[in-house]
Amino acid sequence: MAVLDIAYIGRLYVKYQIDLGKVRDAQRSYLAERGKAMKPQLDDYEAEITYLLLREQRPEAVVEIGTFHGWSTRWILSALRDNGTGHLSSFDIVDNAVKNVSADLSDGRWAFTKGDVRENLAKVPDNTAYLFIDADHGARFARWYIGNLFPVVPPKTPVSVHDVFHGRRPKPLSEGSVVIKWLGERGIEFFTPSTARAPEATEYLAEVKEELGLDIPVRTSSHNPMIFFELP
C-alpha cells in the first residue's frame, strides 16, 4: 500500500470523485428513507476513506467485524460492486444489517455470520486482503484480535479500527489504547481523519471535497475516530 497520508487520500478523492459522489447520494437517500431503522456508525470521512481504499486496492476478500445496522456494510459492498470484484465476510452477534443491505449490493458478494467472531475464527478467509473492525470496543476484545485474528490474516493486510480517537488520545482501558500501544511498539504508522486528533487532515480533505463538489454532508456527525494502518 502507498504511504497513507492526507495527500494520498486527497488523490483518491480526485480519482474516484464521480463514483464516490453517486455512493454518497445513495447513502444519503437511504438514510433518509430508513429513518430510525438505520443507525449509521461511520462518519463521512471514515466511510469515504474506506470506500476509496477499497476501490484503489481492489481486494478479493474483505472481512468486517461488527455490522450493527449495516451502514459500513453498505459502504464496503458499494466499493466491491463498483470494482466489479471482491467478496465481503461480515460477523456480528446481531443481524440488523441483513434487512438493511439490499440484494443489488449483497447478491454474490456478501456472506453474513451471526455470532461472535471469536467462535467463528475458522470462517475468516485465509486470503483476507482488507480487515474492517467495529465491534466490542473494550481492551479485552482488542487483545483477542491482536493475538488471534491478526496472525491468521496475511501480512501487509490493510486494517481499519473504529472508535479510537474521540479525543486527542484513546480512552484508558479501551480497545483504542491497546491498539495504539501495539502499533507504537512495532513502529507501525497509522492515519486518522479524527477531528479531535488530526484536525489538519479533516481541514485539508474538506477543501478537497469542496473543490470536487462533494461537500454536502451524508450525515451530520463529524468525529471520524477511525484509524487506518497496515499489518506488519
Protein backbone atom coordinates (compact mmCIF):
# COMPACT_ATOMS: atom_id res chain seq x y z
CA MET A 1 0.00 0.00 0.00
CA ALA A 2 1.21 3.52 -0.74
CA VAL A 3 2.13 5.81 2.16
CA LEU A 4 -1.21 6.53 3.80
CA ASP A 5 -1.34 10.28 4.37
CA ILE A 6 -3.64 13.17 3.56
CA ALA A 7 -2.01 13.78 0.18
CA TYR A 8 -2.62 10.17 -0.87
CA ILE A 9 -6.21 10.25 0.37
CA GLY A 10 -6.76 13.54 -1.43
CA ARG A 11 -5.59 11.99 -4.71
CA LEU A 12 -8.04 9.14 -4.23
CA TYR A 13 -10.90 11.62 -3.77
CA VAL A 14 -9.98 13.13 -7.13
CA LYS A 15 -9.53 9.77 -8.88
CA TYR A 16 -12.87 8.31 -7.75
CA GLN A 17 -14.91 11.50 -7.37
CA ILE A 18 -17.71 10.53 -9.77
CA ASP A 19 -18.34 7.07 -8.31
CA LEU A 20 -17.93 8.35 -4.76
CA GLY A 21 -20.46 11.09 -5.45
CA LYS A 22 -23.01 8.51 -6.58
CA VAL A 23 -22.46 6.37 -3.49
CA ARG A 24 -22.71 9.38 -1.19
CA ASP A 25 -26.02 10.35 -2.79
CA ALA A 26 -27.32 6.79 -2.49
CA GLN A 27 -26.30 6.53 1.16
CA ARG A 28 -27.83 9.90 2.00
CA SER A 29 -31.11 8.94 0.34
CA TYR A 30 -31.15 5.53 2.01
CA LEU A 31 -30.54 7.06 5.43
CA ALA A 32 -33.44 9.47 4.93
CA GLU A 33 -35.67 6.63 3.74
CA ARG A 34 -34.90 4.25 6.61
CA GLY A 35 -35.02 6.84 9.38
CA LYS A 36 -34.61 5.32 12.85
CA ALA A 37 -34.32 1.83 11.36
CA MET A 38 -30.79 2.73 10.28
CA LYS A 39 -28.29 3.90 12.89
CA PRO A 40 -25.10 4.75 10.99
CA GLN A 41 -21.84 4.29 12.88
CA LEU A 42 -19.31 5.71 10.42
CA ASP A 43 -18.96 9.44 9.92
CA ASP A 44 -18.42 10.78 6.41
CA TYR A 45 -14.62 10.92 6.18
CA GLU A 46 -14.03 7.46 7.61
CA ALA A 47 -16.77 5.95 5.43
CA GLU A 48 -15.48 7.67 2.31
CA ILE A 49 -11.85 6.75 3.01
CA THR A 50 -12.89 3.13 3.50
CA TYR A 51 -14.64 3.22 0.13
CA LEU A 52 -11.68 4.89 -1.58
CA LEU A 53 -9.10 2.47 -0.18
CA LEU A 54 -11.21 -0.50 -1.26
CA ARG A 55 -11.57 0.97 -4.75
CA GLU A 56 -7.84 1.55 -5.07
CA GLN A 57 -6.66 -1.74 -3.54
CA ARG A 58 -9.31 -3.96 -5.15
CA PRO A 59 -9.23 -6.73 -2.51
CA GLU A 60 -10.78 -10.08 -3.40
CA ALA A 61 -11.66 -10.88 0.23
CA VAL A 62 -12.78 -8.33 2.82
CA VAL A 63 -13.66 -9.11 6.44
CA GLU A 64 -15.94 -6.88 8.51
CA ILE A 65 -16.11 -7.44 12.28
CA GLY A 66 -19.20 -5.64 13.53
CA THR A 67 -22.06 -4.58 11.26
CA PHE A 68 -24.72 -3.24 13.66
CA HIS A 69 -27.32 -1.77 11.26
CA GLY A 70 -25.27 -2.28 8.13
CA TRP A 71 -24.12 1.27 7.38
CA SER A 72 -20.46 0.29 6.98
CA THR A 73 -21.54 -2.90 5.21
CA ARG A 74 -23.30 -0.86 2.54
CA TRP A 75 -20.24 1.34 2.04
CA ILE A 76 -17.96 -1.68 1.69
CA LEU A 77 -20.29 -3.53 -0.66
CA SER A 78 -20.70 -0.40 -2.79
CA ALA A 79 -16.94 -0.34 -3.30
CA LEU A 80 -16.84 -4.03 -4.24
CA ARG A 81 -19.74 -3.52 -6.64
CA ASP A 82 -18.01 -0.58 -8.27
CA ASN A 83 -14.79 -2.61 -8.53
CA GLY A 84 -16.69 -5.42 -10.23
CA THR A 85 -14.92 -7.93 -7.99
CA GLY A 86 -14.47 -8.94 -4.36
CA HIS A 87 -16.40 -10.65 -1.57
CA LEU A 88 -17.26 -9.48 1.95
CA SER A 89 -17.50 -11.75 5.00
CA SER A 90 -19.25 -10.00 7.91
CA PHE A 91 -19.60 -11.07 11.54
CA ASP A 92 -21.86 -9.71 14.28
CA ILE A 93 -23.89 -11.02 17.20
CA VAL A 94 -26.96 -9.16 15.87
CA ASP A 95 -28.36 -9.40 12.35
CA ASN A 96 -29.87 -5.92 11.88
CA ALA A 97 -27.68 -5.48 8.82
CA VAL A 98 -29.43 -8.24 6.91
CA LYS A 99 -32.60 -6.19 6.42
CA ASN A 100 -30.68 -3.00 5.64
CA VAL A 101 -28.49 -4.36 2.86
CA SER A 102 -30.33 -4.62 -0.44
CA ALA A 103 -29.98 -7.57 -2.79
CA ASP A 104 -28.36 -5.47 -5.50
CA LEU A 105 -25.44 -4.92 -3.15
CA SER A 106 -25.32 -8.29 -1.39
CA ASP A 107 -26.04 -10.91 -4.05
CA GLY A 108 -22.92 -12.84 -4.93
CA ARG A 109 -20.62 -10.68 -2.86
CA TRP A 110 -21.69 -10.95 0.81
CA ALA A 111 -21.74 -13.65 3.49
CA PHE A 112 -23.09 -12.72 6.93
CA THR A 113 -22.36 -14.84 10.00
CA LYS A 114 -24.50 -14.20 13.06
CA GLY A 115 -22.36 -14.88 16.09
CA ASP A 116 -19.24 -13.88 17.96
CA VAL A 117 -16.24 -13.85 15.63
CA ARG A 118 -14.21 -15.37 18.48
CA GLU A 119 -16.28 -18.52 17.99
CA ASN A 120 -16.11 -18.34 14.20
CA LEU A 121 -12.44 -17.68 13.53
CA ALA A 122 -12.29 -20.59 11.08
CA LYS A 123 -14.71 -18.70 8.80
CA VAL A 124 -12.27 -15.83 8.29
CA PRO A 125 -10.92 -16.29 4.72
CA ASP A 126 -7.23 -17.12 4.59
CA ASN A 127 -6.87 -14.73 1.65
CA THR A 128 -8.32 -11.73 3.52
CA ALA A 129 -6.98 -8.57 1.89
CA TYR A 130 -8.79 -5.91 3.94
CA LEU A 131 -9.86 -6.09 7.58
CA PHE A 132 -12.51 -3.73 9.00
CA ILE A 133 -13.12 -3.79 12.77
CA ASP A 134 -16.01 -2.01 14.51
CA ALA A 135 -17.32 -4.23 17.28
CA ASP A 136 -16.63 -4.56 21.02
CA HIS A 137 -14.52 -1.54 21.97
CA GLY A 138 -13.11 -2.98 25.17
CA ALA A 139 -9.44 -3.72 25.80
CA ARG A 140 -10.08 -7.45 26.18
CA PHE A 141 -11.51 -7.79 22.68
CA ALA A 142 -8.62 -5.78 21.22
CA ARG A 143 -6.13 -8.11 22.90
CA TRP A 144 -8.05 -11.06 21.48
CA TYR A 145 -7.98 -9.93 17.87
CA ILE A 146 -4.36 -8.81 18.08
CA GLY A 147 -3.39 -12.24 19.38
CA ASN A 148 -5.79 -14.41 17.40
CA LEU A 149 -7.19 -12.64 14.35
CA PHE A 150 -4.17 -10.68 13.15
CA PRO A 151 -1.99 -13.83 12.96
CA VAL A 152 -4.42 -15.60 10.58
CA VAL A 153 -4.63 -12.62 8.22
CA PRO A 154 -1.88 -12.28 5.59
CA PRO A 155 0.98 -9.83 6.28
CA LYS A 156 0.59 -6.32 4.84
CA THR A 157 -3.20 -6.50 5.02
CA PRO A 158 -4.78 -3.03 5.38
CA VAL A 159 -6.79 -2.68 8.60
CA SER A 160 -9.23 -0.08 9.89
CA VAL A 161 -10.39 0.13 13.51
CA HIS A 162 -13.29 2.36 14.54
CA ASP A 163 -13.85 4.49 17.66
CA VAL A 164 -10.20 5.04 18.57
CA PHE A 165 -9.79 8.83 18.63
CA HIS A 166 -12.85 10.58 20.03
CA GLY A 167 -10.29 12.78 21.78
CA ARG A 168 -6.63 13.56 21.34
CA ARG A 169 -5.84 10.22 22.97
CA PRO A 170 -7.72 6.92 23.18
CA LYS A 171 -9.74 6.36 26.32
CA PRO A 172 -7.86 4.45 29.05
CA LEU A 173 -8.51 0.69 29.16
CA SER A 174 -10.19 0.86 25.75
CA GLU A 175 -9.71 -1.03 22.51
CA GLY A 176 -8.07 2.07 21.09
CA SER A 177 -5.47 2.31 23.84
CA VAL A 178 -4.49 -1.33 23.31
CA VAL A 179 -4.24 -1.00 19.52
CA ILE A 180 -2.30 2.28 19.60
CA LYS A 181 0.17 0.79 22.09
CA TRP A 182 0.58 -2.30 19.88
CA LEU A 183 1.22 -0.14 16.81
CA GLY A 184 3.69 2.05 18.68
CA GLU A 185 5.68 -0.91 19.97
CA ARG A 186 6.13 -2.10 16.38
CA GLY A 187 6.77 1.27 14.82
CA ILE A 188 3.67 0.95 12.62
CA GLU A 189 2.30 4.27 11.43
CA PHE A 190 -1.44 4.93 11.15
CA PHE A 191 -3.70 7.50 9.56
CA THR A 192 -6.77 9.01 11.18
CA PRO A 193 -9.28 11.62 9.98
CA SER A 194 -10.30 12.24 13.60
CA THR A 195 -11.32 15.87 14.11
CA ALA A 196 -10.01 15.68 17.68
CA ARG A 197 -6.68 14.02 16.92
CA ALA A 198 -5.89 15.30 13.41
CA PRO A 199 -7.87 18.46 12.62
CA GLU A 200 -5.36 19.37 9.91
CA ALA A 201 -6.35 16.24 7.99
CA THR A 202 -10.06 16.98 8.03
CA GLU A 203 -9.44 20.62 7.15
CA TYR A 204 -7.38 19.60 4.12
CA LEU A 205 -9.89 16.99 2.99
CA ALA A 206 -12.75 19.44 3.46
CA GLU A 207 -11.04 21.74 0.95
CA VAL A 208 -10.56 18.86 -1.48
CA LYS A 209 -14.20 17.82 -1.19
CA GLU A 210 -15.44 21.37 -1.68
CA GLU A 211 -13.42 21.71 -4.88
CA LEU A 212 -14.88 18.42 -6.12
CA GLY A 213 -18.46 19.26 -5.21
CA LEU A 214 -18.59 16.56 -2.52
CA ASP A 215 -19.10 18.88 0.43
CA ILE A 216 -22.81 18.28 1.16
CA PRO A 217 -22.77 16.01 4.24
CA VAL A 218 -24.16 12.50 4.10
CA ARG A 219 -24.71 12.60 7.87
CA THR A 220 -24.10 15.34 10.41
CA SER A 221 -21.78 13.58 12.88
CA SER A 222 -18.17 14.65 12.35
CA HIS A 223 -15.98 12.86 14.91
CA ASN A 224 -14.36 10.42 12.44
CA PRO A 225 -12.45 8.46 15.13
CA MET A 226 -11.27 5.60 12.88
CA ILE A 227 -7.63 4.65 12.31
CA PHE A 228 -6.16 3.03 9.20
CA PHE A 229 -2.91 1.05 9.09
CA GLU A 230 -1.20 -1.96 7.53
CA LEU A 231 -0.29 -5.16 9.36
CA PRO A 232 3.43 -5.94 9.56
